[in-house]
Each structure stands twice: as structure tokens, then as C-alpha cells.
Amino acid sequence: MIFMASAFRFDDALPKVPAVNVKSLDGKVISTADFKNDGKPIIIDFWATWCAPCKKELNEIAEVYPDWQKESGVKLIAISIDDERNSMKVKPYVESKDWDYEVYLDENQDFKRAMNVNNVPHVFVVNANNEIVWQTNVYTENGGVEKLHDVVNKVAKGEKPE
């Protein structure tokens, strides 16, 4: 299933993850500037409870996530863009799927706007320097997660993703 053309970017001057406040599932305010992973890659995945492809992608990644963590040390941070009215559905959904991700709420969508996310799912890969090295707003059932896996492994090795 293809939703929009891929937004792929890799420049010499790489953008950094902007500092915006989001909320944890227990209501604590966290700055996205505090997203760290000891020099290893981070996947930032924007999703919503009403977005079937988003949930399918995150559930697919959840099946292989422990292996990815062993290989590259990657951390996945799932950012729900559900608004305040729907955000109460996020925690029960996450718990029902037993995701081993960090999950945050971007109810006012400030982080979404700061990252120029127009639609979900939208996935970013961040390197050890907090630089955005790859992104896509396309979810494909055949090969999309494998492509993300390849990108993460390259970033973990300090290589440029394609």
C-alpha cells in the first residue's frame, strides 16, 4: 500500500531534531532534545491510533525489534499525533500490543510541525549526532520494514543510507 511519494533527504548540512515538548504516556513533559541513545541510531515514527497503516507498520517492526536492537542498538520512539480527544486511546493500544518502544504524545502537534510531517506514517532515522539522516512517509507492506532495517544498520556503522 503506497500513500504518497517518498520524501528522501540526505544533505551535507543535516538537520537536527528540533527541541519541542511532548508528553509521556504517564503525563510527564519531555523535551525532544533529550532523545538520546548512547550514540546509536534512533527511529522516530509518527503515528496515530486512527491510522491503520501506521499501526500495521509499528506492529510489524515490533516482531523484529529485539533483533534490530541486538544488531545495531537502535531505539524506536513512537510519536502519537492523536489530538487531546483521542490521545486517551494511545496507552491502552500500546499496552495491548506490548510494544517495547518509547511512546510519546504530541497532542498539539508542535513536534509534527517542527519536523515538517504532513501525513502519517512518517519515519525518521537519526544518527549519533542527533542529525536526521533519512526519512520516508511511505509504508509499503512488501519490503518497507526491511528497507528501514537496512537504513538503521548503515547508520549504526556510520555509513550514509541510500
N, C-alpha and C. Protein backbone atom coordinates (compact mmCIF):
# COMPACT_ATOMS: atom_id res chain seq x y z
N MET A 1 0.85 -1.16 0.00
CA MET A 1 0.00 0.00 0.00
C MET A 1 0.90 1.23 0.00
N ILE A 2 0.72 2.10 -0.95
CA ILE A 2 1.52 3.31 -1.05
C ILE A 2 0.61 4.50 -0.83
N PHE A 3 1.04 5.43 0.00
CA PHE A 3 0.21 6.59 0.33
C PHE A 3 0.66 7.86 -0.37
N MET A 4 1.93 8.13 -0.40
CA MET A 4 2.45 9.32 -1.06
C MET A 4 3.87 9.02 -1.50
N ALA A 5 4.37 9.87 -2.34
CA ALA A 5 5.74 9.70 -2.79
C ALA A 5 6.69 9.81 -1.62
N SER A 6 7.77 9.11 -1.70
CA SER A 6 8.76 9.11 -0.63
C SER A 6 9.42 10.47 -0.51
N ALA A 7 9.60 10.89 0.71
CA ALA A 7 10.37 12.11 0.98
C ALA A 7 11.72 11.65 1.50
N PHE A 8 12.70 11.68 0.67
CA PHE A 8 14.01 11.17 1.00
C PHE A 8 15.00 12.31 0.97
N ARG A 9 15.79 12.40 2.01
CA ARG A 9 16.70 13.53 2.08
C ARG A 9 18.01 13.12 2.72
N PHE A 10 19.08 13.52 2.11
CA PHE A 10 20.38 13.35 2.72
C PHE A 10 21.27 14.44 2.17
N ASP A 11 21.54 15.43 2.95
CA ASP A 11 22.34 16.59 2.53
C ASP A 11 23.64 16.62 3.31
N ASP A 12 24.52 17.53 2.86
CA ASP A 12 25.76 17.75 3.60
C ASP A 12 25.46 18.40 4.95
N ALA A 13 24.55 19.39 4.95
CA ALA A 13 24.14 20.04 6.19
C ALA A 13 22.87 19.37 6.68
N LEU A 14 23.05 18.41 7.56
CA LEU A 14 21.92 17.62 8.01
C LEU A 14 21.13 18.35 9.10
N PRO A 15 19.82 18.32 8.99
CA PRO A 15 19.02 18.95 10.05
C PRO A 15 19.07 18.12 11.33
N LYS A 16 18.95 18.81 12.43
CA LYS A 16 18.90 18.13 13.74
C LYS A 16 17.46 18.04 14.21
N VAL A 17 17.23 17.16 15.13
CA VAL A 17 15.90 17.02 15.72
C VAL A 17 15.62 18.28 16.53
N PRO A 18 14.54 18.99 16.23
CA PRO A 18 14.24 20.22 16.97
C PRO A 18 13.81 19.92 18.41
N ALA A 19 14.01 20.88 19.27
CA ALA A 19 13.60 20.74 20.67
C ALA A 19 12.17 21.20 20.84
N VAL A 20 11.29 20.25 21.13
CA VAL A 20 9.87 20.52 21.31
C VAL A 20 9.40 19.66 22.49
N ASN A 21 8.45 20.14 23.24
CA ASN A 21 7.93 19.36 24.35
C ASN A 21 6.84 18.40 23.89
N VAL A 22 6.95 17.15 24.35
CA VAL A 22 5.92 16.14 24.14
C VAL A 22 5.61 15.53 25.51
N LYS A 23 4.58 14.70 25.57
CA LYS A 23 4.22 14.10 26.85
C LYS A 23 4.41 12.58 26.80
N SER A 24 4.90 12.04 27.91
CA SER A 24 4.99 10.59 28.03
C SER A 24 3.58 10.05 28.27
N LEU A 25 3.44 8.74 28.22
CA LEU A 25 2.12 8.15 28.43
C LEU A 25 1.63 8.33 29.87
N ASP A 26 2.54 8.63 30.79
CA ASP A 26 2.11 8.91 32.16
C ASP A 26 2.02 10.40 32.44
N GLY A 27 2.05 11.22 31.38
CA GLY A 27 1.77 12.65 31.50
C GLY A 27 2.96 13.54 31.76
N LYS A 28 4.17 12.99 31.83
CA LYS A 28 5.35 13.83 32.07
C LYS A 28 5.75 14.56 30.78
N VAL A 29 6.12 15.83 30.93
CA VAL A 29 6.56 16.62 29.78
C VAL A 29 8.05 16.34 29.55
N ILE A 30 8.36 16.01 28.30
CA ILE A 30 9.73 15.64 27.90
C ILE A 30 10.10 16.49 26.69
N SER A 31 11.33 17.01 26.69
CA SER A 31 11.82 17.72 25.51
C SER A 31 12.40 16.72 24.53
N THR A 32 12.08 16.89 23.26
CA THR A 32 12.64 16.00 22.24
C THR A 32 14.16 16.17 22.15
N ALA A 33 14.70 17.28 22.69
CA ALA A 33 16.16 17.45 22.74
C ALA A 33 16.79 16.41 23.64
N ASP A 34 15.99 15.81 24.51
CA ASP A 34 16.50 14.79 25.43
C ASP A 34 16.44 13.39 24.83
N PHE A 35 16.01 13.25 23.59
CA PHE A 35 16.02 11.94 22.94
C PHE A 35 17.47 11.54 22.71
N LYS A 36 17.93 10.53 23.39
CA LYS A 36 19.31 10.06 23.28
C LYS A 36 19.32 8.53 23.19
N ASN A 37 20.42 8.02 22.61
CA ASN A 37 20.57 6.57 22.55
C ASN A 37 22.05 6.17 22.56
N ASP A 38 22.85 6.80 23.38
CA ASP A 38 24.26 6.44 23.55
C ASP A 38 25.00 6.31 22.22
N GLY A 39 24.76 7.24 21.31
CA GLY A 39 25.49 7.23 20.04
C GLY A 39 24.99 6.22 19.02
N LYS A 40 23.89 5.60 19.30
CA LYS A 40 23.32 4.62 18.36
C LYS A 40 22.11 5.23 17.67
N PRO A 41 21.67 4.63 16.55
CA PRO A 41 20.56 5.21 15.79
C PRO A 41 19.25 5.27 16.58
N ILE A 42 18.44 6.24 16.21
CA ILE A 42 17.09 6.37 16.75
C ILE A 42 16.12 6.43 15.58
N ILE A 43 15.05 5.69 15.69
CA ILE A 43 13.94 5.79 14.74
C ILE A 43 12.86 6.62 15.42
N ILE A 44 12.43 7.68 14.76
CA ILE A 44 11.30 8.46 15.26
C ILE A 44 10.15 8.21 14.30
N ASP A 45 9.09 7.60 14.82
CA ASP A 45 7.97 7.15 13.98
C ASP A 45 6.70 7.88 14.41
N PHE A 46 6.21 8.77 13.55
CA PHE A 46 4.95 9.48 13.80
C PHE A 46 3.79 8.58 13.39
N TRP A 47 2.80 8.46 14.26
CA TRP A 47 1.67 7.58 14.01
C TRP A 47 0.43 8.13 14.72
N ALA A 48 -0.69 7.47 14.52
CA ALA A 48 -1.94 7.83 15.21
C ALA A 48 -2.79 6.57 15.36
N THR A 49 -3.63 6.56 16.37
CA THR A 49 -4.47 5.39 16.61
C THR A 49 -5.48 5.17 15.48
N TRP A 50 -5.83 6.24 14.76
CA TRP A 50 -6.80 6.12 13.66
C TRP A 50 -6.14 5.75 12.33
N CYS A 51 -4.83 5.60 12.33
CA CYS A 51 -4.06 5.34 11.10
C CYS A 51 -3.71 3.85 11.01
N ALA A 52 -4.49 3.11 10.23
CA ALA A 52 -4.26 1.66 10.10
C ALA A 52 -2.86 1.32 9.57
N PRO A 53 -2.37 1.99 8.52
CA PRO A 53 -1.02 1.66 8.05
C PRO A 53 0.07 1.94 9.11
N CYS A 54 -0.14 2.99 9.91
CA CYS A 54 0.82 3.30 10.99
C CYS A 54 0.91 2.14 11.97
N LYS A 55 -0.25 1.68 12.40
CA LYS A 55 -0.29 0.60 13.39
C LYS A 55 0.27 -0.69 12.79
N LYS A 56 -0.04 -0.93 11.54
CA LYS A 56 0.47 -2.14 10.89
C LYS A 56 2.00 -2.10 10.83
N GLU A 57 2.54 -0.95 10.46
CA GLU A 57 3.99 -0.81 10.37
C GLU A 57 4.64 -1.01 11.74
N LEU A 58 4.13 -0.34 12.77
CA LEU A 58 4.71 -0.45 14.11
C LEU A 58 4.57 -1.87 14.66
N ASN A 59 3.46 -2.53 14.36
CA ASN A 59 3.30 -3.92 14.79
C ASN A 59 4.27 -4.84 14.05
N GLU A 60 4.51 -4.55 12.78
CA GLU A 60 5.46 -5.34 12.00
C GLU A 60 6.88 -5.16 12.56
N ILE A 61 7.24 -3.93 12.86
CA ILE A 61 8.57 -3.67 13.43
C ILE A 61 8.70 -4.34 14.80
N ALA A 62 7.63 -4.33 15.58
CA ALA A 62 7.68 -4.93 16.93
C ALA A 62 8.10 -6.39 16.89
N GLU A 63 7.75 -7.08 15.82
CA GLU A 63 8.11 -8.50 15.70
C GLU A 63 9.62 -8.71 15.56
N VAL A 64 10.31 -7.76 14.97
CA VAL A 64 11.75 -7.90 14.73
C VAL A 64 12.58 -6.93 15.57
N TYR A 65 11.94 -6.08 16.33
CA TYR A 65 12.63 -5.04 17.08
C TYR A 65 13.71 -5.59 18.02
N PRO A 66 13.47 -6.67 18.77
CA PRO A 66 14.55 -7.19 19.63
C PRO A 66 15.79 -7.57 18.83
N ASP A 67 15.61 -8.14 17.64
CA ASP A 67 16.76 -8.49 16.80
C ASP A 67 17.49 -7.23 16.33
N TRP A 68 16.73 -6.21 15.93
CA TRP A 68 17.33 -4.96 15.48
C TRP A 68 18.13 -4.33 16.61
N GLN A 69 17.60 -4.37 17.82
CA GLN A 69 18.31 -3.78 18.95
C GLN A 69 19.63 -4.51 19.21
N LYS A 70 19.62 -5.83 19.08
CA LYS A 70 20.86 -6.60 19.27
C LYS A 70 21.88 -6.26 18.19
N GLU A 71 21.42 -6.09 16.96
CA GLU A 71 22.33 -5.82 15.83
C GLU A 71 22.92 -4.42 15.87
N SER A 72 22.07 -3.42 16.11
CA SER A 72 22.52 -2.03 15.94
C SER A 72 22.34 -1.16 17.18
N GLY A 73 21.64 -1.65 18.17
CA GLY A 73 21.37 -0.85 19.36
C GLY A 73 20.31 0.23 19.13
N VAL A 74 19.58 0.13 18.03
CA VAL A 74 18.59 1.14 17.67
C VAL A 74 17.52 1.27 18.76
N LYS A 75 17.01 2.49 18.88
CA LYS A 75 15.87 2.78 19.75
C LYS A 75 14.75 3.34 18.88
N LEU A 76 13.56 2.83 19.06
CA LEU A 76 12.41 3.38 18.33
C LEU A 76 11.58 4.23 19.27
N ILE A 77 11.31 5.45 18.85
CA ILE A 77 10.47 6.37 19.60
C ILE A 77 9.23 6.62 18.75
N ALA A 78 8.08 6.20 19.27
CA ALA A 78 6.82 6.36 18.56
C ALA A 78 6.13 7.62 19.07
N ILE A 79 5.82 8.53 18.14
CA ILE A 79 5.18 9.80 18.49
C ILE A 79 3.74 9.77 18.00
N SER A 80 2.81 9.70 18.92
CA SER A 80 1.39 9.74 18.55
C SER A 80 0.97 11.19 18.30
N ILE A 81 0.33 11.39 17.16
CA ILE A 81 -0.18 12.74 16.86
C ILE A 81 -1.68 12.82 17.15
N ASP A 82 -2.21 11.82 17.85
CA ASP A 82 -3.62 11.90 18.24
C ASP A 82 -3.85 13.17 19.03
N ASP A 83 -4.95 13.84 18.76
CA ASP A 83 -5.26 15.06 19.49
C ASP A 83 -5.73 14.72 20.91
N GLU A 84 -5.96 15.75 21.71
CA GLU A 84 -6.32 15.55 23.11
C GLU A 84 -7.55 14.65 23.26
N ARG A 85 -8.48 14.76 22.34
CA ARG A 85 -9.71 13.96 22.40
C ARG A 85 -9.44 12.46 22.20
N ASN A 86 -8.48 12.14 21.32
CA ASN A 86 -8.19 10.74 21.00
C ASN A 86 -6.98 10.17 21.72
N SER A 87 -6.18 11.02 22.36
CA SER A 87 -4.93 10.54 22.96
C SER A 87 -5.17 9.55 24.09
N MET A 88 -6.37 9.55 24.67
CA MET A 88 -6.66 8.58 25.73
C MET A 88 -6.69 7.14 25.18
N LYS A 89 -6.74 6.99 23.86
CA LYS A 89 -6.75 5.66 23.25
C LYS A 89 -5.34 5.10 23.06
N VAL A 90 -4.33 5.97 23.18
CA VAL A 90 -2.95 5.56 22.86
C VAL A 90 -2.42 4.53 23.85
N LYS A 91 -2.46 4.85 25.14
CA LYS A 91 -1.87 3.96 26.14
C LYS A 91 -2.51 2.57 26.11
N PRO A 92 -3.86 2.45 26.09
CA PRO A 92 -4.44 1.10 26.02
C PRO A 92 -4.02 0.35 24.75
N TYR A 93 -3.91 1.07 23.64
CA TYR A 93 -3.50 0.40 22.41
C TYR A 93 -2.06 -0.10 22.53
N VAL A 94 -1.16 0.76 23.00
CA VAL A 94 0.26 0.39 23.14
C VAL A 94 0.40 -0.81 24.08
N GLU A 95 -0.32 -0.76 25.19
CA GLU A 95 -0.25 -1.87 26.15
C GLU A 95 -0.82 -3.16 25.57
N SER A 96 -1.86 -3.04 24.76
CA SER A 96 -2.45 -4.25 24.16
C SER A 96 -1.51 -4.90 23.16
N LYS A 97 -0.64 -4.12 22.57
CA LYS A 97 0.30 -4.65 21.57
C LYS A 97 1.66 -4.99 22.18
N ASP A 98 1.84 -4.61 23.46
CA ASP A 98 3.09 -4.93 24.16
C ASP A 98 4.32 -4.38 23.43
N TRP A 99 4.18 -3.18 22.89
CA TRP A 99 5.31 -2.56 22.20
C TRP A 99 6.41 -2.25 23.19
N ASP A 100 7.63 -2.49 22.79
CA ASP A 100 8.79 -2.18 23.61
C ASP A 100 9.44 -0.88 23.14
N TYR A 101 8.63 0.07 22.76
CA TYR A 101 9.10 1.36 22.26
C TYR A 101 8.88 2.43 23.34
N GLU A 102 9.63 3.53 23.22
CA GLU A 102 9.25 4.72 23.96
C GLU A 102 8.13 5.36 23.16
N VAL A 103 7.05 5.70 23.83
CA VAL A 103 5.89 6.28 23.15
C VAL A 103 5.57 7.63 23.80
N TYR A 104 5.41 8.65 22.97
CA TYR A 104 5.08 9.98 23.47
C TYR A 104 3.88 10.53 22.72
N LEU A 105 3.21 11.48 23.37
CA LEU A 105 2.04 12.13 22.80
C LEU A 105 2.41 13.52 22.32
N ASP A 106 2.02 13.83 21.11
CA ASP A 106 2.22 15.16 20.53
C ASP A 106 0.83 15.74 20.23
N GLU A 107 0.05 15.91 21.31
CA GLU A 107 -1.37 16.26 21.18
C GLU A 107 -1.60 17.56 20.43
N ASN A 108 -0.74 18.54 20.64
CA ASN A 108 -0.92 19.83 19.95
C ASN A 108 -0.17 19.87 18.62
N GLN A 109 0.52 18.77 18.31
CA GLN A 109 1.22 18.57 17.04
C GLN A 109 2.34 19.58 16.79
N ASP A 110 2.92 20.13 17.86
CA ASP A 110 4.06 21.04 17.71
C ASP A 110 5.28 20.31 17.14
N PHE A 111 5.54 19.10 17.65
CA PHE A 111 6.68 18.34 17.15
C PHE A 111 6.44 17.93 15.69
N LYS A 112 5.23 17.55 15.38
CA LYS A 112 4.87 17.19 13.99
C LYS A 112 5.17 18.36 13.05
N ARG A 113 4.76 19.56 13.45
CA ARG A 113 5.02 20.74 12.61
C ARG A 113 6.51 21.05 12.52
N ALA A 114 7.21 20.93 13.64
CA ALA A 114 8.65 21.22 13.65
C ALA A 114 9.44 20.26 12.77
N MET A 115 8.92 19.04 12.62
CA MET A 115 9.59 18.03 11.78
C MET A 115 9.03 18.02 10.35
N ASN A 116 8.12 18.94 10.04
CA ASN A 116 7.51 19.03 8.70
C ASN A 116 6.80 17.73 8.29
N VAL A 117 6.08 17.16 9.22
CA VAL A 117 5.30 15.95 8.94
C VAL A 117 3.92 16.38 8.46
N ASN A 118 3.58 15.97 7.26
CA ASN A 118 2.28 16.30 6.69
C ASN A 118 1.27 15.18 6.79
N ASN A 119 1.76 13.96 6.80
CA ASN A 119 0.87 12.82 6.90
C ASN A 119 1.58 11.70 7.65
N VAL A 120 0.82 10.78 8.17
CA VAL A 120 1.39 9.62 8.85
C VAL A 120 1.00 8.36 8.10
N PRO A 121 1.85 7.33 8.18
CA PRO A 121 3.08 7.26 8.95
C PRO A 121 4.19 8.09 8.33
N HIS A 122 5.05 8.60 9.17
CA HIS A 122 6.24 9.33 8.73
C HIS A 122 7.37 8.91 9.67
N VAL A 123 8.42 8.39 9.08
CA VAL A 123 9.51 7.79 9.85
C VAL A 123 10.81 8.52 9.56
N PHE A 124 11.55 8.82 10.63
CA PHE A 124 12.86 9.46 10.53
C PHE A 124 13.89 8.54 11.17
N VAL A 125 15.10 8.55 10.62
CA VAL A 125 16.22 7.88 11.27
C VAL A 125 17.23 8.97 11.64
N VAL A 126 17.66 8.93 12.89
CA VAL A 126 18.55 9.93 13.46
C VAL A 126 19.88 9.24 13.82
N ASN A 127 20.98 9.90 13.50
CA ASN A 127 22.29 9.31 13.79
C ASN A 127 22.79 9.70 15.18
N ALA A 128 24.02 9.32 15.46
CA ALA A 128 24.60 9.55 16.78
C ALA A 128 24.75 11.02 17.13
N ASN A 129 24.76 11.90 16.11
CA ASN A 129 24.90 13.33 16.33
C ASN A 129 23.56 14.05 16.38
N ASN A 130 22.49 13.30 16.55
CA ASN A 130 21.13 13.86 16.60
C ASN A 130 20.72 14.50 15.27
N GLU A 131 21.34 14.03 14.18
CA GLU A 131 21.02 14.54 12.84
C GLU A 131 20.05 13.60 12.13
N ILE A 132 19.11 14.19 11.43
CA ILE A 132 18.14 13.40 10.66
C ILE A 132 18.83 12.99 9.36
N VAL A 133 19.06 11.70 9.19
CA VAL A 133 19.81 11.21 8.04
C VAL A 133 18.93 10.53 7.00
N TRP A 134 17.69 10.25 7.36
CA TRP A 134 16.81 9.55 6.41
C TRP A 134 15.37 9.72 6.88
N GLN A 135 14.46 9.78 5.93
CA GLN A 135 13.04 9.84 6.28
C GLN A 135 12.20 9.31 5.15
N THR A 136 11.00 8.87 5.50
CA THR A 136 10.03 8.44 4.50
C THR A 136 8.63 8.62 5.06
N ASN A 137 7.72 8.91 4.16
CA ASN A 137 6.31 8.96 4.56
C ASN A 137 5.52 7.93 3.76
N VAL A 138 6.23 6.89 3.39
CA VAL A 138 5.62 5.80 2.62
C VAL A 138 5.71 4.52 3.43
N TYR A 139 4.62 3.83 3.53
CA TYR A 139 4.64 2.50 4.13
C TYR A 139 4.26 1.51 3.05
N THR A 140 5.14 0.58 2.80
CA THR A 140 4.83 -0.48 1.85
C THR A 140 4.82 -1.79 2.59
N GLU A 141 3.79 -2.58 2.36
CA GLU A 141 3.68 -3.86 3.05
C GLU A 141 4.78 -4.82 2.63
N ASN A 142 5.26 -4.67 1.43
CA ASN A 142 6.29 -5.57 0.93
C ASN A 142 7.64 -4.87 0.87
N GLY A 143 8.40 -5.05 1.90
CA GLY A 143 9.77 -4.54 1.88
C GLY A 143 10.01 -3.24 2.60
N GLY A 144 8.99 -2.56 3.07
CA GLY A 144 9.18 -1.27 3.73
C GLY A 144 9.96 -1.39 5.03
N VAL A 145 9.63 -2.36 5.83
CA VAL A 145 10.31 -2.54 7.11
C VAL A 145 11.74 -3.03 6.87
N GLU A 146 11.93 -3.86 5.85
CA GLU A 146 13.28 -4.34 5.53
C GLU A 146 14.17 -3.17 5.09
N LYS A 147 13.60 -2.24 4.32
CA LYS A 147 14.35 -1.06 3.91
C LYS A 147 14.78 -0.25 5.13
N LEU A 148 13.85 -0.06 6.06
CA LEU A 148 14.17 0.66 7.29
C LEU A 148 15.29 -0.05 8.05
N HIS A 149 15.22 -1.37 8.11
CA HIS A 149 16.26 -2.16 8.77
C HIS A 149 17.62 -1.92 8.13
N ASP A 150 17.67 -1.91 6.80
CA ASP A 150 18.92 -1.64 6.08
C ASP A 150 19.46 -0.25 6.42
N VAL A 151 18.57 0.73 6.44
CA VAL A 151 18.99 2.10 6.75
C VAL A 151 19.57 2.16 8.17
N VAL A 152 18.90 1.57 9.11
CA VAL A 152 19.36 1.59 10.51
C VAL A 152 20.74 0.94 10.63
N ASN A 153 20.93 -0.18 9.96
CA ASN A 153 22.23 -0.86 10.04
C ASN A 153 23.33 0.00 9.44
N LYS A 154 23.06 0.69 8.34
CA LYS A 154 24.07 1.58 7.75
C LYS A 154 24.38 2.74 8.70
N VAL A 155 23.37 3.33 9.26
CA VAL A 155 23.58 4.46 10.18
C VAL A 155 24.36 3.99 11.41
N ALA A 156 24.07 2.81 11.88
CA ALA A 156 24.80 2.27 13.04
C ALA A 156 26.28 2.10 12.73
N LYS A 157 26.61 1.82 11.47
CA LYS A 157 28.00 1.65 11.05
C LYS A 157 28.65 2.98 10.64
N GLY A 158 27.88 4.06 10.71
CA GLY A 158 28.40 5.37 10.33
C GLY A 158 28.38 5.61 8.84
N GLU A 159 27.63 4.77 8.11
CA GLU A 159 27.53 4.91 6.66
C GLU A 159 26.33 5.77 6.30
N LYS A 160 26.35 6.32 5.08
CA LYS A 160 25.22 7.10 4.58
C LYS A 160 24.14 6.14 4.08
N PRO A 161 22.91 6.32 4.52
CA PRO A 161 21.83 5.50 3.99
C PRO A 161 21.46 5.94 2.58
N GLU A 162 20.91 5.02 1.83
CA GLU A 162 20.50 5.34 0.45
C GLU A 162 19.01 5.57 0.41
